[in-house]
Amino acid sequence: MIAKEYARKLDSVIKQRNISFLCLIVSCIVIILLIILLFTRARTIVLLPSGLQSEMRISTNGTATKSYIEQFTRDIMHTMLNITPSSVKYAGRSILKISSPRLHSSLAHQFAVYEKDVINKNISTYFSLHNITFVTEDNLQIQTEGELLTYLGKELISKQNKKYKLIFELNGTKVSLVGFNEVEEVSNLQLESINIEAYEEERIKRHGNYETEDEL
């Protein structure tokens, strides 16, 4: 009787040991799989600009901080007005991405004309931003001031102080460009028309006068 009871208890202990051992093996396998997943899965690292001096925030109530809109404006002015024949296509695509969808058709046509003009005439422009003024309390209308240099090839043909007005809209938490105008002069995103023949005639006349003076 005692032997049977002992054998029964021994079988029970062996079963518990086997179950515990099986659970241990399963746990080890799960841990190994988790370690492999941890080291092989894609990870996202959020980097903050080191030069960030103030809070940048947009809100669903239709407002955005001045620092956010100011940085957005700087990016637009740099992209739109620092143009070369090799960068004009990229500039057009970039501005379309941050513009309101309802303007895409019109902007795409204007940039196509602008791109052709820049490439055919070998035009380059460089804009030096001097000042940003907030026109409205919601910070969504901006006026910028700066100096625009225009080159035909490698020759500087125009140096002008310019003012531009930018208008943004805030949909949810996304800011989009809805307006870009030269102040006191309607702008269609095209450079001033450059008459190459007249320019060449003036340049030859100027250089010819210099040569005449040298000969004298």
C-alpha atoms as a PDB file:
ATOM      1  CA  MET A   1       0.000   0.000   0.000  1.00  0.00           C
ATOM      2  CA  ILE A   2       2.798   2.360   0.967  1.00  0.00           C
ATOM      3  CA  ALA A   3       4.731   1.419  -2.169  1.00  0.00           C
ATOM      4  CA  LYS A   4       1.772   2.267  -4.400  1.00  0.00           C
ATOM      5  CA  GLU A   5       1.292   5.654  -2.708  1.00  0.00           C
ATOM      6  CA  TYR A   6       4.994   6.414  -3.064  1.00  0.00           C
ATOM      7  CA  ALA A   7       4.941   5.462  -6.762  1.00  0.00           C
ATOM      8  CA  ARG A   8       1.914   7.682  -7.334  1.00  0.00           C
ATOM      9  CA  LYS A   9       3.586  10.681  -5.700  1.00  0.00           C
ATOM     10  CA  LEU A  10       6.769  10.024  -7.635  1.00  0.00           C
ATOM     11  CA  ASP A  11       4.836  10.007 -10.942  1.00  0.00           C
ATOM     12  CA  SER A  12       3.185  13.283  -9.945  1.00  0.00           C
ATOM     13  CA  VAL A  13       6.542  14.896  -9.149  1.00  0.00           C
ATOM     14  CA  ILE A  14       8.034  13.680 -12.433  1.00  0.00           C
ATOM     15  CA  LYS A  15       5.082  15.110 -14.383  1.00  0.00           C
ATOM     16  CA  GLN A  16       5.430  18.472 -12.587  1.00  0.00           C
ATOM     17  CA  ARG A  17       9.155  18.490 -13.327  1.00  0.00           C
ATOM     18  CA  ASN A  18       8.536  17.740 -16.998  1.00  0.00           C
ATOM     19  CA  ILE A  19       5.920  20.484 -17.226  1.00  0.00           C
ATOM     20  CA  SER A  20       8.269  22.959 -15.501  1.00  0.00           C
ATOM     21  CA  PHE A  21      11.112  22.015 -17.822  1.00  0.00           C
ATOM     22  CA  LEU A  22       8.844  22.411 -20.848  1.00  0.00           C
ATOM     23  CA  CYS A  23       7.734  25.865 -19.633  1.00  0.00           C
ATOM     24  CA  LEU A  24      11.391  26.823 -19.145  1.00  0.00           C
ATOM     25  CA  ILE A  25      12.234  25.811 -22.721  1.00  0.00           C
ATOM     26  CA  VAL A  26       9.260  27.774 -24.097  1.00  0.00           C
ATOM     27  CA  SER A  27      10.255  30.825 -22.036  1.00  0.00           C
ATOM     28  CA  CYS A  28      13.837  30.661 -23.362  1.00  0.00           C
ATOM     29  CA  ILE A  29      12.588  30.436 -26.936  1.00  0.00           C
ATOM     30  CA  VAL A  30      10.288  33.456 -26.420  1.00  0.00           C
ATOM     31  CA  ILE A  31      13.127  35.484 -24.868  1.00  0.00           C
ATOM     32  CA  ILE A  32      15.453  34.630 -27.763  1.00  0.00           C
ATOM     33  CA  LEU A  33      12.786  35.645 -30.304  1.00  0.00           C
ATOM     34  CA  LEU A  34      12.186  38.933 -28.470  1.00  0.00           C
ATOM     35  CA  ILE A  35      15.917  39.706 -28.461  1.00  0.00           C
ATOM     36  CA  ILE A  36      16.149  38.985 -32.196  1.00  0.00           C
ATOM     37  CA  LEU A  37      13.096  41.191 -32.858  1.00  0.00           C
ATOM     38  CA  LEU A  38      14.542  43.999 -30.735  1.00  0.00           C
ATOM     39  CA  PHE A  39      17.792  44.139 -32.705  1.00  0.00           C
ATOM     40  CA  THR A  40      16.328  43.620 -36.179  1.00  0.00           C
ATOM     41  CA  ARG A  41      13.157  45.725 -36.229  1.00  0.00           C
ATOM     42  CA  ALA A  42      13.162  49.230 -37.717  1.00  0.00           C
ATOM     43  CA  ARG A  43      13.641  52.021 -35.212  1.00  0.00           C
ATOM     44  CA  THR A  44      12.786  55.708 -35.497  1.00  0.00           C
ATOM     45  CA  ILE A  45      14.984  58.329 -33.887  1.00  0.00           C
ATOM     46  CA  VAL A  46      13.590  61.850 -33.554  1.00  0.00           C
ATOM     47  CA  LEU A  47      16.275  64.527 -33.900  1.00  0.00           C
ATOM     48  CA  LEU A  48      15.728  68.075 -32.692  1.00  0.00           C
ATOM     49  CA  PRO A  49      17.630  70.950 -34.328  1.00  0.00           C
ATOM     50  CA  SER A  50      20.522  72.042 -32.139  1.00  0.00           C
ATOM     51  CA  GLY A  51      19.895  75.702 -32.943  1.00  0.00           C
ATOM     52  CA  LEU A  52      16.278  75.725 -31.744  1.00  0.00           C
ATOM     53  CA  GLN A  53      15.958  78.843 -29.604  1.00  0.00           C
ATOM     54  CA  SER A  54      12.232  78.979 -28.884  1.00  0.00           C
ATOM     55  CA  GLU A  55       9.124  76.827 -28.847  1.00  0.00           C
ATOM     56  CA  MET A  56       7.628  75.867 -32.212  1.00  0.00           C
ATOM     57  CA  ARG A  57       3.973  74.882 -32.033  1.00  0.00           C
ATOM     58  CA  ILE A  58       0.860  74.674 -34.184  1.00  0.00           C
ATOM     59  CA  SER A  59      -2.626  74.259 -32.759  1.00  0.00           C
ATOM     60  CA  THR A  60      -5.930  72.913 -34.021  1.00  0.00           C
ATOM     61  CA  ASN A  61      -7.581  76.193 -32.958  1.00  0.00           C
ATOM     62  CA  GLY A  62      -6.092  77.877 -36.041  1.00  0.00           C
ATOM     63  CA  THR A  63      -2.936  79.436 -34.641  1.00  0.00           C
ATOM     64  CA  ALA A  64       0.784  78.775 -35.001  1.00  0.00           C
ATOM     65  CA  THR A  65       3.742  80.203 -33.125  1.00  0.00           C
ATOM     66  CA  LYS A  66       5.763  82.939 -34.797  1.00  0.00           C
ATOM     67  CA  SER A  67       8.912  80.833 -34.602  1.00  0.00           C
ATOM     68  CA  TYR A  68       7.303  78.002 -36.595  1.00  0.00           C
ATOM     69  CA  ILE A  69       5.905  80.277 -39.316  1.00  0.00           C
ATOM     70  CA  GLU A  70       9.167  82.219 -39.470  1.00  0.00           C
ATOM     71  CA  GLN A  71      11.176  79.062 -40.121  1.00  0.00           C
ATOM     72  CA  PHE A  72       8.591  77.916 -42.672  1.00  0.00           C
ATOM     73  CA  THR A  73       8.872  81.294 -44.413  1.00  0.00           C
ATOM     74  CA  ARG A  74      12.666  81.156 -44.510  1.00  0.00           C
ATOM     75  CA  ASP A  75      12.544  77.739 -46.173  1.00  0.00           C
ATOM     76  CA  ILE A  76      10.060  78.939 -48.804  1.00  0.00           C
ATOM     77  CA  MET A  77      12.006  82.095 -49.649  1.00  0.00           C
ATOM     78  CA  HIS A  78      15.236  80.135 -49.946  1.00  0.00           C
ATOM     79  CA  THR A  79      13.671  77.463 -52.148  1.00  0.00           C
ATOM     80  CA  MET A  80      11.659  79.777 -54.384  1.00  0.00           C
ATOM     81  CA  LEU A  81      14.123  82.611 -54.929  1.00  0.00           C
ATOM     82  CA  ASN A  82      17.522  80.905 -54.874  1.00  0.00           C
ATOM     83  CA  ILE A  83      17.296  79.397 -58.330  1.00  0.00           C
ATOM     84  CA  THR A  84      19.663  78.055 -60.973  1.00  0.00           C
ATOM     85  CA  PRO A  85      18.883  76.171 -64.187  1.00  0.00           C
ATOM     86  CA  SER A  86      19.867  72.926 -62.443  1.00  0.00           C
ATOM     87  CA  SER A  87      17.749  73.497 -59.318  1.00  0.00           C
ATOM     88  CA  VAL A  88      14.578  75.042 -60.733  1.00  0.00           C
ATOM     89  CA  LYS A  89      12.757  71.706 -61.210  1.00  0.00           C
ATOM     90  CA  TYR A  90      13.423  70.661 -57.618  1.00  0.00           C
ATOM     91  CA  ALA A  91      12.269  74.074 -56.383  1.00  0.00           C
ATOM     92  CA  GLY A  92       8.966  73.749 -58.246  1.00  0.00           C
ATOM     93  CA  ARG A  93       8.285  70.277 -56.846  1.00  0.00           C
ATOM     94  CA  SER A  94       9.168  71.411 -53.325  1.00  0.00           C
ATOM     95  CA  ILE A  95       6.850  74.431 -53.391  1.00  0.00           C
ATOM     96  CA  LEU A  96       3.970  72.306 -54.730  1.00  0.00           C
ATOM     97  CA  LYS A  97       4.365  69.906 -51.795  1.00  0.00           C
ATOM     98  CA  ILE A  98       3.816  72.665 -49.232  1.00  0.00           C
ATOM     99  CA  SER A  99       1.113  74.550 -51.154  1.00  0.00           C
ATOM    100  CA  SER A 100      -2.637  74.132 -50.807  1.00  0.00           C
ATOM    101  CA  PRO A 101      -3.975  71.375 -53.135  1.00  0.00           C
ATOM    102  CA  ARG A 102      -6.446  73.792 -54.699  1.00  0.00           C
ATOM    103  CA  LEU A 103      -3.501  75.799 -56.086  1.00  0.00           C
ATOM    104  CA  HIS A 104      -1.578  72.865 -57.555  1.00  0.00           C
ATOM    105  CA  SER A 105      -2.981  73.120 -61.078  1.00  0.00           C
ATOM    106  CA  SER A 106      -2.290  76.837 -61.378  1.00  0.00           C
ATOM    107  CA  LEU A 107       1.132  76.653 -59.718  1.00  0.00           C
ATOM    108  CA  ALA A 108       2.219  73.695 -61.840  1.00  0.00           C
ATOM    109  CA  HIS A 109       1.509  75.703 -65.007  1.00  0.00           C
ATOM    110  CA  GLN A 110       3.308  78.797 -63.688  1.00  0.00           C
ATOM    111  CA  PHE A 111       6.349  76.825 -62.626  1.00  0.00           C
ATOM    112  CA  ALA A 112       6.498  75.117 -66.022  1.00  0.00           C
ATOM    113  CA  VAL A 113       6.712  78.545 -67.711  1.00  0.00           C
ATOM    114  CA  TYR A 114       9.177  79.771 -65.087  1.00  0.00           C
ATOM    115  CA  GLU A 115      11.363  76.677 -65.491  1.00  0.00           C
ATOM    116  CA  LYS A 116      11.507  77.071 -69.275  1.00  0.00           C
ATOM    117  CA  ASP A 117      12.456  80.738 -68.929  1.00  0.00           C
ATOM    118  CA  VAL A 118      15.217  80.016 -66.409  1.00  0.00           C
ATOM    119  CA  ILE A 119      16.755  77.185 -68.423  1.00  0.00           C
ATOM    120  CA  ASN A 120      16.538  78.814 -71.849  1.00  0.00           C
ATOM    121  CA  LYS A 121      18.025  82.123 -70.687  1.00  0.00           C
ATOM    122  CA  ASN A 122      20.489  80.563 -68.201  1.00  0.00           C
ATOM    123  CA  ILE A 123      19.107  82.687 -65.365  1.00  0.00           C
ATOM    124  CA  SER A 124      20.111  82.407 -61.732  1.00  0.00           C
ATOM    125  CA  THR A 125      18.652  84.329 -58.800  1.00  0.00           C
ATOM    126  CA  TYR A 126      19.833  84.716 -55.217  1.00  0.00           C
ATOM    127  CA  PHE A 127      17.737  86.243 -52.452  1.00  0.00           C
ATOM    128  CA  SER A 128      19.158  87.636 -49.229  1.00  0.00           C
ATOM    129  CA  LEU A 129      16.415  87.826 -46.593  1.00  0.00           C
ATOM    130  CA  HIS A 130      16.709  90.924 -44.407  1.00  0.00           C
ATOM    131  CA  ASN A 131      13.452  91.088 -42.460  1.00  0.00           C
ATOM    132  CA  ILE A 132      10.226  89.208 -41.680  1.00  0.00           C
ATOM    133  CA  THR A 133       7.115  91.077 -40.472  1.00  0.00           C
ATOM    134  CA  PHE A 134       3.939  89.422 -39.146  1.00  0.00           C
ATOM    135  CA  VAL A 135       0.914  91.155 -40.653  1.00  0.00           C
ATOM    136  CA  THR A 136      -1.937  89.401 -38.796  1.00  0.00           C
ATOM    137  CA  GLU A 137      -2.457  88.215 -35.220  1.00  0.00           C
ATOM    138  CA  ASP A 138      -2.851  84.574 -36.258  1.00  0.00           C
ATOM    139  CA  ASN A 139       0.714  84.737 -37.707  1.00  0.00           C
ATOM    140  CA  LEU A 140      -0.502  83.370 -41.056  1.00  0.00           C
ATOM    141  CA  GLN A 141       0.259  86.450 -43.168  1.00  0.00           C
ATOM    142  CA  ILE A 142       3.887  87.490 -43.552  1.00  0.00           C
ATOM    143  CA  GLN A 143       5.767  90.260 -45.304  1.00  0.00           C
ATOM    144  CA  THR A 144       9.415  89.706 -46.140  1.00  0.00           C
ATOM    145  CA  GLU A 145      12.080  92.139 -47.284  1.00  0.00           C
ATOM    146  CA  GLY A 146      15.414  91.421 -48.899  1.00  0.00           C
ATOM    147  CA  GLU A 147      17.748  91.836 -51.843  1.00  0.00           C
ATOM    148  CA  LEU A 148      17.284  89.876 -55.058  1.00  0.00           C
ATOM    149  CA  LEU A 149      20.259  89.380 -57.373  1.00  0.00           C
ATOM    150  CA  THR A 150      19.612  88.223 -60.943  1.00  0.00           C
ATOM    151  CA  TYR A 151      22.336  86.754 -63.147  1.00  0.00           C
ATOM    152  CA  LEU A 152      22.343  86.023 -66.855  1.00  0.00           C
ATOM    153  CA  GLY A 153      24.993  83.359 -67.108  1.00  0.00           C
ATOM    154  CA  LYS A 154      27.747  84.648 -64.829  1.00  0.00           C
ATOM    155  CA  GLU A 155      26.980  88.346 -65.244  1.00  0.00           C
ATOM    156  CA  LEU A 156      24.970  90.250 -62.655  1.00  0.00           C
ATOM    157  CA  ILE A 157      22.251  92.132 -64.515  1.00  0.00           C
ATOM    158  CA  SER A 158      19.912  93.150 -61.698  1.00  0.00           C
ATOM    159  CA  LYS A 159      20.204  94.010 -58.002  1.00  0.00           C
ATOM    160  CA  GLN A 160      16.919  95.020 -56.377  1.00  0.00           C
ATOM    161  CA  ASN A 161      15.370  95.417 -52.960  1.00  0.00           C
ATOM    162  CA  LYS A 162      12.196  93.349 -52.922  1.00  0.00           C
ATOM    163  CA  LYS A 163       9.187  92.865 -50.635  1.00  0.00           C
ATOM    164  CA  TYR A 164       7.021  89.756 -50.790  1.00  0.00           C
ATOM    165  CA  LYS A 165       3.802  88.846 -49.003  1.00  0.00           C
ATOM    166  CA  LEU A 166       3.139  85.227 -48.060  1.00  0.00           C
ATOM    167  CA  ILE A 167      -0.231  83.897 -46.931  1.00  0.00           C
ATOM    168  CA  PHE A 168      -0.660  80.559 -45.158  1.00  0.00           C
ATOM    169  CA  GLU A 169      -3.634  78.501 -44.043  1.00  0.00           C
ATOM    170  CA  LEU A 170      -3.808  76.034 -41.191  1.00  0.00           C
ATOM    171  CA  ASN A 171      -5.860  72.865 -41.707  1.00  0.00           C
ATOM    172  CA  GLY A 172      -5.775  70.816 -38.546  1.00  0.00           C
ATOM    173  CA  THR A 173      -2.071  70.814 -37.773  1.00  0.00           C
ATOM    174  CA  LYS A 174      -0.822  71.274 -41.338  1.00  0.00           C
ATOM    175  CA  VAL A 175       0.373  74.638 -42.617  1.00  0.00           C
ATOM    176  CA  SER A 176       0.021  75.267 -46.378  1.00  0.00           C
ATOM    177  CA  LEU A 177       1.065  78.142 -48.613  1.00  0.00           C
ATOM    178  CA  VAL A 178      -1.945  79.785 -50.304  1.00  0.00           C
ATOM    179  CA  GLY A 179      -0.499  83.078 -51.520  1.00  0.00           C
ATOM    180  CA  PHE A 180       2.811  84.554 -52.697  1.00  0.00           C
ATOM    181  CA  ASN A 181       2.848  88.106 -54.075  1.00  0.00           C
ATOM    182  CA  GLU A 182       5.403  90.803 -54.639  1.00  0.00           C
ATOM    183  CA  VAL A 183       4.269  93.811 -52.636  1.00  0.00           C
ATOM    184  CA  GLU A 184       3.051  96.704 -54.800  1.00  0.00           C
ATOM    185  CA  GLU A 185       3.596  94.608 -57.910  1.00  0.00           C
ATOM    186  CA  VAL A 186       1.615  91.510 -58.841  1.00  0.00           C
ATOM    187  CA  SER A 187       3.915  88.516 -59.155  1.00  0.00           C
ATOM    188  CA  ASN A 188       3.143  85.364 -61.124  1.00  0.00           C
ATOM    189  CA  LEU A 189       6.274  83.630 -59.863  1.00  0.00           C
ATOM    190  CA  GLN A 190       8.118  84.553 -63.056  1.00  0.00           C
ATOM    191  CA  LEU A 191      11.260  86.634 -63.227  1.00  0.00           C
ATOM    192  CA  GLU A 192      11.105  90.052 -64.815  1.00  0.00           C
ATOM    193  CA  SER A 193      11.183  89.711 -68.585  1.00  0.00           C
ATOM    194  CA  ILE A 194      14.753  90.008 -69.798  1.00  0.00           C
ATOM    195  CA  ASN A 195      15.268  91.171 -73.346  1.00  0.00           C
ATOM    196  CA  ILE A 196      18.507  89.394 -74.228  1.00  0.00           C
ATOM    197  CA  GLU A 197      18.978  91.314 -77.483  1.00  0.00           C
ATOM    198  CA  ALA A 198      18.697  94.667 -75.732  1.00  0.00           C
ATOM    199  CA  TYR A 199      20.975  93.490 -72.972  1.00  0.00           C
ATOM    200  CA  GLU A 200      23.634  92.299 -75.427  1.00  0.00           C
ATOM    201  CA  GLU A 201      23.390  95.551 -77.382  1.00  0.00           C
ATOM    202  CA  GLU A 202      23.889  97.580 -74.202  1.00  0.00           C
ATOM    203  CA  ARG A 203      26.783  95.377 -73.086  1.00  0.00           C
ATOM    204  CA  ILE A 204      28.558  95.678 -76.472  1.00  0.00           C
ATOM    205  CA  LYS A 205      28.006  99.429 -76.454  1.00  0.00           C
ATOM    206  CA  ARG A 206      29.436  99.673 -72.932  1.00  0.00           C
ATOM    207  CA  HIS A 207      32.420  97.474 -73.721  1.00  0.00           C
ATOM    208  CA  GLY A 208      32.924  99.246 -77.039  1.00  0.00           C
ATOM    209  CA  ASN A 209      33.139 102.588 -75.246  1.00  0.00           C
ATOM    210  CA  TYR A 210      35.736 101.149 -72.892  1.00  0.00           C
ATOM    211  CA  GLU A 211      37.774  99.895 -75.827  1.00  0.00           C
ATOM    212  CA  THR A 212      37.585 103.292 -77.550  1.00  0.00           C
ATOM    213  CA  GLU A 213      38.811 105.006 -74.401  1.00  0.00           C
ATOM    214  CA  ASP A 214      41.704 102.529 -74.116  1.00  0.00           C
ATOM    215  CA  GLU A 215      42.726 103.160 -77.701  1.00  0.00           C
ATOM    216  CA  LEU A 216      42.728 106.917 -77.048  1.00  0.00           C
END
